[in-house]
Amino acid sequence: MILEKINVTFGGKLNLGDYNSVQIQISVTALAEDGETLTEISDALFATCREKVRAKALEFYQHREASIQ
């Protein structure tokens, strides 16, 4: 059995207005198990990372909107 490791990083910079910005980034690592391909794992990890970054970005935007009102 050969263990293969894959690391996925996803992120971006958000402009919050008034010369403020925030960098949101997440990295995850997984080991392939028997029968799994690195493509399957990377697709799943990328989807998870994207979901987490978007959720955190939404939190920042909601906080920004609440502070403006």
C-alpha atoms as a PDB file:
ATOM      1  CA  MET A   1       0.000   0.000   0.000  1.00  0.00           C
ATOM      2  CA  ILE A   2       1.394   3.391  -1.021  1.00  0.00           C
ATOM      3  CA  LEU A   3       0.176   6.386   0.916  1.00  0.00           C
ATOM      4  CA  GLU A   4      -0.089   9.520  -1.105  1.00  0.00           C
ATOM      5  CA  LYS A   5      -0.624  12.900   0.454  1.00  0.00           C
ATOM      6  CA  ILE A   6      -2.315  15.864  -1.171  1.00  0.00           C
ATOM      7  CA  ASN A   7      -2.537  19.451   0.025  1.00  0.00           C
ATOM      8  CA  VAL A   8      -5.088  21.967  -1.264  1.00  0.00           C
ATOM      9  CA  THR A   9      -5.044  25.708  -0.565  1.00  0.00           C
ATOM     10  CA  PHE A  10      -7.806  28.137  -1.482  1.00  0.00           C
ATOM     11  CA  GLY A  11      -8.257  31.775  -0.600  1.00  0.00           C
ATOM     12  CA  GLY A  12      -8.591  35.327  -1.703  1.00  0.00           C
ATOM     13  CA  LYS A  13      -8.498  38.945  -0.681  1.00  0.00           C
ATOM     14  CA  LEU A  14     -11.724  40.790   0.074  1.00  0.00           C
ATOM     15  CA  ASN A  15     -12.184  44.515  -0.306  1.00  0.00           C
ATOM     16  CA  LEU A  16     -14.242  45.672   2.671  1.00  0.00           C
ATOM     17  CA  GLY A  17     -14.349  49.306   1.595  1.00  0.00           C
ATOM     18  CA  ASP A  18     -12.837  52.398   3.197  1.00  0.00           C
ATOM     19  CA  TYR A  19      -9.335  51.156   2.326  1.00  0.00           C
ATOM     20  CA  ASN A  20      -9.852  47.975   4.382  1.00  0.00           C
ATOM     21  CA  SER A  21      -9.295  44.452   3.133  1.00  0.00           C
ATOM     22  CA  VAL A  22      -8.888  40.981   4.551  1.00  0.00           C
ATOM     23  CA  GLN A  23      -7.038  37.916   3.280  1.00  0.00           C
ATOM     24  CA  ILE A  24      -8.928  34.646   3.842  1.00  0.00           C
ATOM     25  CA  GLN A  25      -7.147  31.386   3.125  1.00  0.00           C
ATOM     26  CA  ILE A  26      -7.424  27.754   4.163  1.00  0.00           C
ATOM     27  CA  SER A  27      -5.140  24.784   3.534  1.00  0.00           C
ATOM     28  CA  VAL A  28      -6.087  21.164   4.081  1.00  0.00           C
ATOM     29  CA  THR A  29      -4.093  17.975   3.706  1.00  0.00           C
ATOM     30  CA  ALA A  30      -5.366  14.423   3.289  1.00  0.00           C
ATOM     31  CA  LEU A  31      -3.920  10.987   2.762  1.00  0.00           C
ATOM     32  CA  ALA A  32      -5.261   8.773   0.001  1.00  0.00           C
ATOM     33  CA  GLU A  33      -6.725   5.472   1.123  1.00  0.00           C
ATOM     34  CA  ASP A  34      -6.989   2.300  -0.944  1.00  0.00           C
ATOM     35  CA  GLY A  35      -9.265   2.841  -3.923  1.00  0.00           C
ATOM     36  CA  GLU A  36      -9.217   6.637  -3.797  1.00  0.00           C
ATOM     37  CA  THR A  37      -7.584   8.644  -6.523  1.00  0.00           C
ATOM     38  CA  LEU A  38      -5.785  11.893  -5.906  1.00  0.00           C
ATOM     39  CA  THR A  39      -8.199  13.570  -8.313  1.00  0.00           C
ATOM     40  CA  GLU A  40     -11.203  12.495  -6.249  1.00  0.00           C
ATOM     41  CA  ILE A  41      -9.551  13.647  -3.051  1.00  0.00           C
ATOM     42  CA  SER A  42      -8.396  16.979  -4.478  1.00  0.00           C
ATOM     43  CA  ASP A  43     -11.866  17.726  -5.868  1.00  0.00           C
ATOM     44  CA  ALA A  44     -13.446  17.029  -2.471  1.00  0.00           C
ATOM     45  CA  LEU A  45     -10.823  19.063  -0.607  1.00  0.00           C
ATOM     46  CA  PHE A  46     -11.133  21.978  -3.014  1.00  0.00           C
ATOM     47  CA  ALA A  47     -14.926  22.012  -2.614  1.00  0.00           C
ATOM     48  CA  THR A  48     -14.549  21.993   1.175  1.00  0.00           C
ATOM     49  CA  CYS A  49     -11.977  24.792   1.122  1.00  0.00           C
ATOM     50  CA  ARG A  50     -14.075  26.915  -1.218  1.00  0.00           C
ATOM     51  CA  GLU A  51     -17.144  26.469   1.003  1.00  0.00           C
ATOM     52  CA  LYS A  52     -15.217  27.430   4.157  1.00  0.00           C
ATOM     53  CA  VAL A  53     -13.645  30.521   2.572  1.00  0.00           C
ATOM     54  CA  ARG A  54     -16.975  31.699   1.153  1.00  0.00           C
ATOM     55  CA  ALA A  55     -18.680  31.220   4.529  1.00  0.00           C
ATOM     56  CA  LYS A  56     -15.973  33.249   6.276  1.00  0.00           C
ATOM     57  CA  ALA A  57     -16.190  35.956   3.586  1.00  0.00           C
ATOM     58  CA  LEU A  58     -19.942  36.167   4.139  1.00  0.00           C
ATOM     59  CA  GLU A  59     -19.322  36.672   7.871  1.00  0.00           C
ATOM     60  CA  PHE A  60     -17.005  39.606   7.121  1.00  0.00           C
ATOM     61  CA  TYR A  61     -19.491  41.184   4.721  1.00  0.00           C
ATOM     62  CA  GLN A  62     -22.390  40.746   7.157  1.00  0.00           C
ATOM     63  CA  HIS A  63     -20.339  42.296   9.961  1.00  0.00           C
ATOM     64  CA  ARG A  64     -19.391  45.179   7.658  1.00  0.00           C
ATOM     65  CA  GLU A  65     -23.028  45.765   6.671  1.00  0.00           C
ATOM     66  CA  ALA A  66     -24.139  45.671  10.317  1.00  0.00           C
ATOM     67  CA  SER A  67     -21.519  48.232  11.323  1.00  0.00           C
ATOM     68  CA  ILE A  68     -22.583  50.585   8.516  1.00  0.00           C
ATOM     69  CA  GLN A  69     -26.227  50.658   9.616  1.00  0.00           C
END
